[in-house]
């Protein structure tokens, strides 16, 4: 309001996520152009289209749309709005785009586990269902499968009945040998 007195119909912070950092400021203006707009603003997002006063506030880009207002919605008289009293612009003054969130870099020596789906022929649906019928049976089936695979660091993560499938993970060399 200090930079463009009397030109804004109202402004509010704009953000994509409720409670998050604002991404800009959304304002209405009673004209076909936005206050502090320096270009034709023909694109949805305009860089280099703001007066130095807007840049001094931290804004970097502008999005603008304008709409014709029905005569019944206009105040009478429309004093102070001599140029385009029947049009309103919706102006979004953008702040610099925040960086995309990323995961922290992994140390070079981190070894991620390898996963494999194993399919077992000859296991009946009844045997598979029995293996998963209680926590005791589940643990016994996992231990028996791990012993049969002969790889001490391979973990049985899940078993799927229908045909007998097991998802395992562990060091790459051990998972590869378990698949043989």
Protein backbone atom coordinates (compact mmCIF):
# COMPACT_ATOMS: atom_id res chain seq x y z
CA UNK A 1 0.00 0.00 0.00
CA UNK A 2 2.91 2.38 0.72
CA UNK A 3 4.45 1.76 -2.71
CA UNK A 4 1.17 1.98 -4.67
CA UNK A 5 -1.25 3.98 -2.46
CA UNK A 6 -4.92 3.60 -3.35
CA UNK A 7 -4.26 1.21 -6.22
CA UNK A 8 -4.83 -2.10 -4.45
CA UNK A 9 -8.29 -3.41 -3.58
CA UNK A 10 -6.83 -5.78 -1.04
CA UNK A 11 -3.78 -8.01 -0.67
CA UNK A 12 -3.12 -11.25 1.14
CA UNK A 13 -0.22 -13.68 1.35
CA UNK A 14 -0.35 -16.53 -1.16
CA UNK A 15 1.02 -20.01 -0.52
CA UNK A 16 0.47 -23.46 -1.95
CA UNK A 17 0.42 -25.20 1.42
CA UNK A 18 -1.62 -24.10 4.40
CA UNK A 19 0.59 -22.73 7.12
CA UNK A 20 3.72 -22.89 4.97
CA UNK A 21 6.02 -20.16 3.81
CA UNK A 22 4.22 -17.66 1.52
CA UNK A 23 5.11 -17.86 -2.16
CA UNK A 24 3.86 -14.39 -2.97
CA UNK A 25 1.17 -11.79 -2.47
CA UNK A 26 -2.26 -11.86 -4.16
CA UNK A 27 -3.90 -8.49 -4.78
CA UNK A 28 -6.82 -7.02 -6.65
CA UNK A 29 -6.55 -3.77 -8.61
CA UNK A 30 -9.29 -1.73 -10.25
CA UNK A 31 -7.60 -1.47 -13.64
CA UNK A 32 -6.54 -3.58 -16.61
CA UNK A 33 -2.97 -3.68 -15.36
CA UNK A 34 -1.49 -4.40 -11.97
CA UNK A 35 0.21 -1.72 -9.89
CA UNK A 36 3.98 -1.83 -10.46
CA UNK A 37 3.49 -3.86 -13.70
CA UNK A 38 6.02 -2.84 -16.39
CA UNK A 39 5.20 -5.20 -19.29
CA UNK A 40 2.14 -6.36 -21.24
CA UNK A 41 1.85 -9.47 -19.00
CA UNK A 42 0.62 -11.81 -21.72
CA UNK A 43 1.98 -15.00 -20.11
CA UNK A 44 0.78 -16.81 -17.00
CA UNK A 45 4.13 -16.07 -15.34
CA UNK A 46 6.10 -12.97 -16.24
CA UNK A 47 9.69 -12.42 -15.11
CA UNK A 48 11.21 -8.95 -15.48
CA UNK A 49 7.78 -7.33 -15.43
CA UNK A 50 7.89 -5.44 -12.14
CA UNK A 51 8.89 -1.91 -11.25
CA UNK A 52 11.93 -1.47 -9.00
CA UNK A 53 9.60 -0.71 -6.07
CA UNK A 54 8.15 -4.26 -6.30
CA UNK A 55 11.60 -5.80 -6.66
CA UNK A 56 12.69 -3.87 -3.55
CA UNK A 57 9.92 -5.70 -1.66
CA UNK A 58 11.44 -9.04 -2.76
CA UNK A 59 9.04 -9.89 -5.61
CA UNK A 60 10.54 -11.42 -8.75
CA UNK A 61 7.62 -12.22 -11.08
CA UNK A 62 4.01 -11.34 -11.85
CA UNK A 63 0.93 -13.32 -12.82
CA UNK A 64 -2.08 -11.28 -13.92
CA UNK A 65 -5.59 -11.84 -15.16
CA UNK A 66 -8.28 -9.22 -15.69
CA UNK A 67 -12.04 -9.44 -15.72
CA UNK A 68 -14.88 -7.22 -16.91
CA UNK A 69 -17.27 -6.33 -14.09
CA UNK A 70 -21.03 -6.00 -14.60
CA UNK A 71 -22.26 -2.43 -14.27
CA UNK A 72 -24.45 -3.40 -11.31
CA UNK A 73 -21.35 -4.27 -9.25
CA UNK A 74 -19.68 -0.88 -9.67
CA UNK A 75 -19.93 1.87 -7.08
CA UNK A 76 -21.55 5.09 -8.20
CA UNK A 77 -19.81 7.35 -8.83
CA UNK A 78 -16.53 5.55 -9.51
CA UNK A 79 -14.40 8.49 -8.41
CA UNK A 80 -10.65 8.01 -8.65
CA UNK A 81 -10.90 5.24 -11.26
CA UNK A 82 -11.03 7.25 -14.47
CA UNK A 83 -9.22 4.88 -16.87
CA UNK A 84 -10.92 1.48 -16.59
CA UNK A 85 -13.60 1.53 -13.91
CA UNK A 86 -15.41 -1.54 -15.25
CA UNK A 87 -12.41 -3.88 -15.11
CA UNK A 88 -10.52 -5.53 -12.29
CA UNK A 89 -7.11 -7.21 -12.37
CA UNK A 90 -6.09 -10.10 -10.16
CA UNK A 91 -2.38 -9.73 -9.50
CA UNK A 92 -0.04 -12.30 -8.00
CA UNK A 93 3.35 -10.91 -7.07
CA UNK A 94 5.71 -13.89 -6.73
CA UNK A 95 8.55 -14.22 -4.25
CA UNK A 96 11.65 -16.18 -5.33
CA UNK A 97 10.81 -19.84 -5.85
CA UNK A 98 11.96 -21.86 -2.84
CA UNK A 99 14.32 -24.74 -3.55
CA UNK A 100 12.75 -28.16 -3.98
CA UNK A 101 13.10 -30.32 -0.89
CA UNK A 102 15.68 -33.05 -1.31
CA UNK A 103 17.06 -35.90 0.70
CA UNK A 104 20.46 -35.37 2.29
CA UNK A 105 23.35 -36.89 0.35
CA UNK A 106 24.30 -40.43 1.30
CA UNK A 107 27.82 -41.09 2.49
CA UNK A 108 29.87 -42.79 -0.23
CA UNK A 109 30.43 -45.93 1.83
CA UNK A 110 26.73 -46.66 2.49
CA UNK A 111 25.66 -50.04 1.11
CA UNK A 112 21.96 -50.18 0.40
CA UNK A 113 20.23 -53.55 0.65
CA UNK A 114 19.19 -55.46 -2.42
CA UNK A 115 15.68 -56.86 -2.76
CA UNK A 116 14.40 -59.91 -4.59
CA UNK A 117 11.09 -61.73 -4.96
CA UNK A 118 11.54 -65.49 -4.66
CA UNK A 119 8.97 -67.90 -6.11
CA UNK A 120 8.75 -71.40 -4.68
CA UNK A 121 7.27 -74.24 -6.73
CA UNK A 122 5.45 -77.06 -4.97
CA UNK A 123 4.32 -75.18 -1.85
CA UNK A 124 0.60 -75.64 -1.35
CA UNK A 125 -1.80 -72.84 -0.51
CA UNK A 126 -2.69 -74.72 2.69
CA UNK A 127 0.98 -74.83 3.78
CA UNK A 128 1.40 -71.13 3.06
CA UNK A 129 -1.77 -70.20 4.97
CA UNK A 130 -0.68 -72.34 7.92
CA UNK A 131 2.74 -70.63 7.92
CA UNK A 132 0.99 -67.28 8.38
CA UNK A 133 -1.74 -68.39 10.78
CA UNK A 134 -0.04 -67.13 13.95
CA UNK A 135 2.89 -64.96 14.97
CA UNK A 136 4.72 -68.09 16.16
CA UNK A 137 4.20 -69.81 12.79
CA UNK A 138 5.25 -66.68 10.90
CA UNK A 139 8.53 -66.43 12.83
CA UNK A 140 9.16 -70.18 12.43
CA UNK A 141 8.54 -69.95 8.66
CA UNK A 142 10.88 -66.97 8.33
CA UNK A 143 13.64 -68.74 10.29
CA UNK A 144 13.19 -71.96 8.28
CA UNK A 145 13.33 -70.03 4.99
CA UNK A 146 16.40 -68.10 6.11
CA UNK A 147 18.13 -71.36 7.12
CA UNK A 148 17.19 -73.01 3.81
CA UNK A 149 18.61 -70.07 1.88
CA UNK A 150 21.87 -70.37 3.81
CA UNK A 151 22.50 -66.65 3.93
CA UNK A 152 22.74 -65.26 7.50
CA UNK A 153 22.16 -61.59 6.63
CA UNK A 154 19.15 -62.08 4.38
CA UNK A 155 15.86 -61.04 6.02
CA UNK A 156 12.48 -62.40 4.98
CA UNK A 157 10.28 -59.31 4.76
CA UNK A 158 6.98 -60.75 3.57
CA UNK A 159 5.36 -63.89 2.26
CA UNK A 160 2.43 -63.94 -0.17
CA UNK A 161 0.18 -66.96 -0.47
CA UNK A 162 -1.44 -68.05 -3.71
CA UNK A 163 1.71 -69.38 -5.11
CA UNK A 164 4.43 -69.09 -2.51
CA UNK A 165 6.34 -65.80 -2.91
CA UNK A 166 8.75 -64.18 -0.47
CA UNK A 167 10.29 -60.70 -0.56
CA UNK A 168 13.80 -60.71 0.86
CA UNK A 169 16.50 -58.09 1.29
CA UNK A 170 20.15 -58.08 2.22
CA UNK A 171 23.66 -57.63 0.86
CA UNK A 172 23.72 -57.87 -2.93
CA UNK A 173 25.94 -60.98 -3.11
CA UNK A 174 23.80 -62.88 -0.62
CA UNK A 175 20.50 -61.94 -2.28
CA UNK A 176 21.92 -63.01 -5.66
CA UNK A 177 22.99 -66.40 -4.26
CA UNK A 178 19.59 -66.84 -2.57
CA UNK A 179 17.89 -66.40 -5.95
CA UNK A 180 19.77 -69.34 -7.47
